[in-house]
Amino acid sequence: MLGNSPPVCFVLAADMARARKFYTDTLGLTQTGEDPFAVSYDLAGTMLRLTRIEGHEPGPHTVLGWQVADIAATMDKLAAKGVTFEIYDGFGQDERGVWTDPGSGTRIAWFHDSEGNNLSLTQFGG
């Protein structure tokens, strides 16, 4: 039923000014709109609505991720803008925070936005 309908992604933020700065300046996303409820961005043809929720408490799981061609180069660019990557105890990540799936070679790294939302980068293997 919805297979041909474009998706809309939502990321929640308590501090819209801080979040807008992160998504625009740090991640380099293109803002496409704004209304009283959200700031909209283009995610390679998919709409992201950065939505203000007073008292927002981020969950522990990934809410948004990007498929990248070169995870190391992307991490370098984000690190140069102040992004730090998460290393989770017992997960088997390398010193930079990259976990590699032993079966497929897919590589994943996690980081937080300005609001504490968990974001990821994925370089698919194979």
N, C-alpha and C. Protein backbone atom coordinates (compact mmCIF):
# COMPACT_ATOMS: atom_id res chain seq x y z
N MET A 1 0.82 -1.19 0.00
CA MET A 1 0.00 0.00 0.00
C MET A 1 0.87 1.27 0.00
N LEU A 2 1.92 1.31 0.81
CA LEU A 2 2.75 2.52 0.88
C LEU A 2 4.08 2.37 0.15
N GLY A 3 4.26 1.27 -0.55
CA GLY A 3 5.53 0.99 -1.21
C GLY A 3 6.00 2.04 -2.19
N ASN A 4 5.09 2.78 -2.79
CA ASN A 4 5.46 3.82 -3.74
C ASN A 4 5.34 5.23 -3.19
N SER A 5 5.05 5.34 -1.91
CA SER A 5 4.92 6.66 -1.28
C SER A 5 6.25 7.06 -0.66
N PRO A 6 6.71 8.28 -0.90
CA PRO A 6 7.99 8.71 -0.33
C PRO A 6 7.92 8.75 1.20
N PRO A 7 8.96 8.26 1.86
CA PRO A 7 8.98 8.29 3.32
C PRO A 7 9.33 9.68 3.84
N VAL A 8 8.98 9.92 5.08
CA VAL A 8 9.38 11.11 5.81
C VAL A 8 10.01 10.61 7.11
N CYS A 9 11.21 11.09 7.43
CA CYS A 9 11.90 10.70 8.66
C CYS A 9 11.73 11.81 9.69
N PHE A 10 11.70 11.44 10.96
CA PHE A 10 11.58 12.40 12.05
C PHE A 10 12.71 12.18 13.04
N VAL A 11 13.36 13.26 13.42
CA VAL A 11 14.33 13.24 14.52
C VAL A 11 13.88 14.31 15.49
N LEU A 12 13.87 13.97 16.77
CA LEU A 12 13.35 14.87 17.79
C LEU A 12 14.47 15.67 18.45
N ALA A 13 14.15 16.90 18.83
CA ALA A 13 15.13 17.79 19.44
C ALA A 13 14.46 18.65 20.51
N ALA A 14 15.17 18.85 21.61
CA ALA A 14 14.68 19.75 22.65
C ALA A 14 15.12 21.18 22.36
N ASP A 15 16.31 21.35 21.80
CA ASP A 15 16.87 22.67 21.52
C ASP A 15 17.03 22.82 20.01
N MET A 16 16.05 23.46 19.39
CA MET A 16 16.03 23.55 17.93
C MET A 16 17.20 24.36 17.37
N ALA A 17 17.59 25.43 18.04
CA ALA A 17 18.71 26.23 17.52
C ALA A 17 19.98 25.39 17.50
N ARG A 18 20.24 24.67 18.57
CA ARG A 18 21.43 23.83 18.64
C ARG A 18 21.35 22.68 17.62
N ALA A 19 20.19 22.07 17.51
CA ALA A 19 20.02 20.96 16.57
C ALA A 19 20.15 21.43 15.12
N ARG A 20 19.55 22.57 14.81
CA ARG A 20 19.65 23.10 13.45
C ARG A 20 21.11 23.35 13.08
N LYS A 21 21.87 23.92 14.01
CA LYS A 21 23.29 24.17 13.76
C LYS A 21 24.02 22.85 13.48
N PHE A 22 23.74 21.82 14.26
CA PHE A 22 24.39 20.52 14.06
C PHE A 22 24.04 19.94 12.69
N TYR A 23 22.75 19.88 12.37
CA TYR A 23 22.34 19.24 11.12
C TYR A 23 22.74 20.05 9.89
N THR A 24 22.78 21.38 10.03
CA THR A 24 23.16 22.22 8.89
C THR A 24 24.68 22.35 8.79
N ASP A 25 25.32 22.78 9.87
CA ASP A 25 26.75 23.08 9.81
C ASP A 25 27.64 21.85 9.96
N THR A 26 27.33 20.99 10.88
CA THR A 26 28.18 19.83 11.13
C THR A 26 27.96 18.73 10.09
N LEU A 27 26.69 18.37 9.87
CA LEU A 27 26.40 17.31 8.91
C LEU A 27 26.32 17.80 7.48
N GLY A 28 26.12 19.09 7.28
CA GLY A 28 26.07 19.64 5.94
C GLY A 28 24.79 19.36 5.18
N LEU A 29 23.69 19.14 5.89
CA LEU A 29 22.42 18.88 5.22
C LEU A 29 21.82 20.18 4.69
N THR A 30 21.07 20.07 3.62
CA THR A 30 20.43 21.23 3.00
C THR A 30 19.03 21.40 3.58
N GLN A 31 18.80 22.56 4.20
CA GLN A 31 17.48 22.86 4.74
C GLN A 31 16.54 23.17 3.58
N THR A 32 15.35 22.57 3.62
CA THR A 32 14.39 22.78 2.54
C THR A 32 13.13 23.50 2.99
N GLY A 33 12.97 23.67 4.30
CA GLY A 33 11.78 24.35 4.77
C GLY A 33 11.78 24.48 6.28
N GLU A 34 10.80 25.25 6.74
CA GLU A 34 10.60 25.44 8.17
C GLU A 34 9.16 25.84 8.41
N ASP A 35 8.59 25.31 9.45
CA ASP A 35 7.25 25.69 9.86
C ASP A 35 7.26 25.78 11.38
N PRO A 36 6.15 26.11 12.01
CA PRO A 36 6.16 26.25 13.47
C PRO A 36 6.50 24.95 14.23
N PHE A 37 6.51 23.82 13.55
CA PHE A 37 6.71 22.54 14.21
C PHE A 37 8.06 21.90 13.95
N ALA A 38 8.70 22.24 12.82
CA ALA A 38 9.91 21.51 12.43
C ALA A 38 10.74 22.29 11.41
N VAL A 39 11.98 21.88 11.30
CA VAL A 39 12.87 22.31 10.22
C VAL A 39 13.04 21.09 9.33
N SER A 40 12.88 21.29 8.02
CA SER A 40 12.96 20.17 7.08
C SER A 40 14.28 20.20 6.33
N TYR A 41 14.80 18.99 6.06
CA TYR A 41 16.04 18.81 5.31
C TYR A 41 15.81 17.77 4.23
N ASP A 42 16.63 17.85 3.18
CA ASP A 42 16.62 16.85 2.12
C ASP A 42 17.69 15.81 2.43
N LEU A 43 17.28 14.56 2.53
CA LEU A 43 18.20 13.43 2.72
C LEU A 43 18.22 12.61 1.44
N ALA A 44 18.91 13.10 0.44
CA ALA A 44 19.03 12.38 -0.83
C ALA A 44 17.66 11.97 -1.37
N GLY A 45 16.70 12.90 -1.31
CA GLY A 45 15.36 12.66 -1.83
C GLY A 45 14.33 12.27 -0.79
N THR A 46 14.75 12.04 0.43
CA THR A 46 13.83 11.74 1.52
C THR A 46 13.79 12.93 2.46
N MET A 47 12.62 13.29 2.92
CA MET A 47 12.49 14.42 3.83
C MET A 47 12.81 14.01 5.26
N LEU A 48 13.62 14.82 5.92
CA LEU A 48 13.85 14.71 7.36
C LEU A 48 13.20 15.90 8.01
N ARG A 49 12.38 15.64 9.01
CA ARG A 49 11.77 16.73 9.79
C ARG A 49 12.39 16.69 11.18
N LEU A 50 13.19 17.70 11.46
CA LEU A 50 13.79 17.89 12.77
C LEU A 50 12.74 18.60 13.61
N THR A 51 12.18 17.89 14.56
CA THR A 51 10.98 18.33 15.25
C THR A 51 11.26 18.62 16.71
N ARG A 52 10.82 19.80 17.17
CA ARG A 52 11.03 20.20 18.56
C ARG A 52 10.02 19.50 19.46
N ILE A 53 10.56 18.85 20.48
CA ILE A 53 9.75 18.21 21.51
C ILE A 53 10.33 18.65 22.85
N GLU A 54 9.58 19.43 23.58
CA GLU A 54 10.07 19.91 24.87
C GLU A 54 10.37 18.72 25.79
N GLY A 55 11.54 18.76 26.40
CA GLY A 55 11.93 17.71 27.33
C GLY A 55 12.33 16.41 26.67
N HIS A 56 12.60 16.45 25.37
CA HIS A 56 12.98 15.23 24.64
C HIS A 56 14.15 14.53 25.31
N GLU A 57 14.00 13.24 25.55
CA GLU A 57 15.05 12.38 26.08
C GLU A 57 15.38 11.34 25.01
N PRO A 58 16.59 11.36 24.46
CA PRO A 58 16.91 10.42 23.39
C PRO A 58 16.95 8.98 23.88
N GLY A 59 16.57 8.08 23.01
CA GLY A 59 16.65 6.65 23.31
C GLY A 59 18.05 6.12 23.04
N PRO A 60 18.30 4.88 23.41
CA PRO A 60 19.64 4.32 23.26
C PRO A 60 19.96 3.77 21.87
N HIS A 61 18.97 3.69 21.00
CA HIS A 61 19.17 3.03 19.72
C HIS A 61 19.27 4.03 18.58
N THR A 62 19.83 3.59 17.49
CA THR A 62 20.02 4.42 16.31
C THR A 62 18.67 4.89 15.75
N VAL A 63 18.58 6.19 15.48
CA VAL A 63 17.35 6.74 14.92
C VAL A 63 17.50 7.11 13.45
N LEU A 64 18.75 7.29 12.99
CA LEU A 64 18.98 7.71 11.62
C LEU A 64 20.40 7.33 11.24
N GLY A 65 20.59 6.87 10.03
CA GLY A 65 21.93 6.52 9.57
C GLY A 65 22.11 6.81 8.10
N TRP A 66 23.36 6.80 7.69
CA TRP A 66 23.71 7.07 6.30
C TRP A 66 24.57 5.95 5.76
N GLN A 67 24.30 5.55 4.53
CA GLN A 67 25.16 4.62 3.80
C GLN A 67 26.24 5.45 3.14
N VAL A 68 27.50 5.13 3.39
CA VAL A 68 28.62 5.88 2.84
C VAL A 68 29.54 4.96 2.06
N ALA A 69 30.25 5.52 1.10
CA ALA A 69 31.18 4.74 0.27
C ALA A 69 32.49 4.49 0.99
N ASP A 70 32.93 5.44 1.82
CA ASP A 70 34.22 5.33 2.52
C ASP A 70 34.01 5.80 3.96
N ILE A 71 33.82 4.85 4.86
CA ILE A 71 33.50 5.20 6.24
C ILE A 71 34.64 5.95 6.91
N ALA A 72 35.88 5.57 6.64
CA ALA A 72 37.02 6.24 7.27
C ALA A 72 37.11 7.70 6.85
N ALA A 73 36.93 7.97 5.58
CA ALA A 73 36.99 9.35 5.09
C ALA A 73 35.83 10.18 5.66
N THR A 74 34.65 9.59 5.73
CA THR A 74 33.50 10.31 6.29
C THR A 74 33.71 10.59 7.76
N MET A 75 34.24 9.60 8.48
CA MET A 75 34.53 9.82 9.90
C MET A 75 35.56 10.92 10.09
N ASP A 76 36.57 10.97 9.25
CA ASP A 76 37.60 12.02 9.34
C ASP A 76 36.97 13.40 9.17
N LYS A 77 36.08 13.53 8.19
CA LYS A 77 35.43 14.82 7.94
C LYS A 77 34.55 15.24 9.11
N LEU A 78 33.80 14.29 9.66
CA LEU A 78 32.94 14.61 10.80
C LEU A 78 33.77 14.91 12.05
N ALA A 79 34.84 14.16 12.27
CA ALA A 79 35.71 14.40 13.42
C ALA A 79 36.33 15.79 13.35
N ALA A 80 36.66 16.24 12.14
CA ALA A 80 37.21 17.58 11.96
C ALA A 80 36.21 18.66 12.35
N LYS A 81 34.92 18.31 12.36
CA LYS A 81 33.87 19.24 12.76
C LYS A 81 33.44 19.03 14.21
N GLY A 82 34.20 18.20 14.94
CA GLY A 82 33.93 18.03 16.36
C GLY A 82 33.12 16.80 16.74
N VAL A 83 32.74 15.98 15.79
CA VAL A 83 31.97 14.78 16.09
C VAL A 83 32.89 13.74 16.71
N THR A 84 32.42 13.10 17.77
CA THR A 84 33.14 11.98 18.37
C THR A 84 32.33 10.71 18.16
N PHE A 85 33.03 9.63 17.97
CA PHE A 85 32.38 8.35 17.69
C PHE A 85 32.34 7.51 18.95
N GLU A 86 31.26 6.77 19.10
CA GLU A 86 31.00 5.98 20.30
C GLU A 86 31.70 4.64 20.22
N ILE A 87 32.24 4.21 21.35
CA ILE A 87 32.76 2.87 21.49
C ILE A 87 31.99 2.22 22.63
N TYR A 88 31.33 1.11 22.32
CA TYR A 88 30.48 0.42 23.28
C TYR A 88 31.23 -0.78 23.86
N ASP A 89 31.23 -0.90 25.16
CA ASP A 89 31.90 -2.01 25.84
C ASP A 89 31.43 -3.35 25.31
N GLY A 90 32.39 -4.20 24.99
CA GLY A 90 32.07 -5.56 24.59
C GLY A 90 31.56 -5.73 23.17
N PHE A 91 31.55 -4.66 22.39
CA PHE A 91 30.98 -4.75 21.05
C PHE A 91 32.01 -5.14 20.00
N GLY A 92 33.30 -5.02 20.33
CA GLY A 92 34.34 -5.45 19.41
C GLY A 92 34.68 -4.44 18.32
N GLN A 93 34.49 -3.17 18.61
CA GLN A 93 34.83 -2.13 17.64
C GLN A 93 36.34 -1.89 17.63
N ASP A 94 36.83 -1.29 16.55
CA ASP A 94 38.25 -0.94 16.51
C ASP A 94 38.48 0.35 17.29
N GLU A 95 39.71 0.83 17.30
CA GLU A 95 40.07 2.01 18.10
C GLU A 95 39.35 3.28 17.67
N ARG A 96 38.82 3.32 16.47
CA ARG A 96 38.08 4.50 16.00
C ARG A 96 36.60 4.39 16.30
N GLY A 97 36.15 3.20 16.68
CA GLY A 97 34.73 3.00 16.95
C GLY A 97 33.99 2.30 15.84
N VAL A 98 34.70 1.68 14.91
CA VAL A 98 34.06 0.98 13.79
C VAL A 98 33.89 -0.49 14.15
N TRP A 99 32.66 -0.98 14.01
CA TRP A 99 32.37 -2.40 14.16
C TRP A 99 32.30 -3.00 12.77
N THR A 100 32.95 -4.14 12.58
CA THR A 100 32.92 -4.84 11.29
C THR A 100 32.20 -6.16 11.45
N ASP A 101 31.17 -6.36 10.63
CA ASP A 101 30.44 -7.62 10.63
C ASP A 101 31.34 -8.70 10.04
N PRO A 102 31.65 -9.74 10.81
CA PRO A 102 32.58 -10.75 10.32
C PRO A 102 32.07 -11.53 9.11
N GLY A 103 30.78 -11.61 8.94
CA GLY A 103 30.23 -12.36 7.81
C GLY A 103 30.24 -11.60 6.50
N SER A 104 29.87 -10.32 6.56
CA SER A 104 29.72 -9.55 5.32
C SER A 104 30.80 -8.51 5.09
N GLY A 105 31.51 -8.15 6.15
CA GLY A 105 32.50 -7.07 6.02
C GLY A 105 31.88 -5.68 6.13
N THR A 106 30.58 -5.62 6.35
CA THR A 106 29.93 -4.32 6.54
C THR A 106 30.52 -3.65 7.77
N ARG A 107 30.77 -2.34 7.65
CA ARG A 107 31.38 -1.58 8.73
C ARG A 107 30.40 -0.49 9.19
N ILE A 108 30.26 -0.33 10.51
CA ILE A 108 29.32 0.63 11.08
C ILE A 108 30.00 1.41 12.19
N ALA A 109 29.72 2.71 12.24
CA ALA A 109 30.20 3.58 13.32
C ALA A 109 29.02 4.42 13.80
N TRP A 110 29.02 4.70 15.11
CA TRP A 110 27.91 5.44 15.72
C TRP A 110 28.40 6.73 16.35
N PHE A 111 27.53 7.74 16.32
CA PHE A 111 27.82 9.02 16.96
C PHE A 111 26.49 9.64 17.37
N HIS A 112 26.58 10.68 18.20
CA HIS A 112 25.37 11.35 18.68
C HIS A 112 25.25 12.74 18.07
N ASP A 113 24.01 13.14 17.83
CA ASP A 113 23.78 14.52 17.41
C ASP A 113 23.82 15.43 18.64
N SER A 114 23.54 16.69 18.45
CA SER A 114 23.59 17.67 19.54
C SER A 114 22.56 17.39 20.63
N GLU A 115 21.55 16.60 20.31
CA GLU A 115 20.47 16.29 21.25
C GLU A 115 20.64 14.93 21.91
N GLY A 116 21.71 14.22 21.57
CA GLY A 116 21.94 12.90 22.13
C GLY A 116 21.32 11.77 21.34
N ASN A 117 20.68 12.07 20.20
CA ASN A 117 20.13 11.03 19.34
C ASN A 117 21.27 10.24 18.72
N ASN A 118 21.13 8.92 18.67
CA ASN A 118 22.16 8.04 18.13
C ASN A 118 22.02 7.98 16.61
N LEU A 119 23.11 8.32 15.91
CA LEU A 119 23.16 8.31 14.45
C LEU A 119 24.25 7.32 14.03
N SER A 120 24.23 6.91 12.77
CA SER A 120 25.24 5.95 12.33
C SER A 120 25.70 6.19 10.90
N LEU A 121 26.85 5.61 10.62
CA LEU A 121 27.40 5.53 9.26
C LEU A 121 27.55 4.06 8.94
N THR A 122 27.22 3.64 7.74
CA THR A 122 27.39 2.25 7.32
C THR A 122 28.06 2.19 5.96
N GLN A 123 29.13 1.41 5.89
CA GLN A 123 29.77 1.09 4.62
C GLN A 123 29.54 -0.40 4.41
N PHE A 124 28.66 -0.72 3.46
CA PHE A 124 28.33 -2.13 3.24
C PHE A 124 29.50 -2.86 2.63
N GLY A 125 29.70 -4.10 3.07
CA GLY A 125 30.79 -4.93 2.57
C GLY A 125 30.36 -5.70 1.34
N GLY A 126 31.29 -6.48 0.86
CA GLY A 126 30.96 -7.42 -0.17
C GLY A 126 31.13 -7.00 -1.53
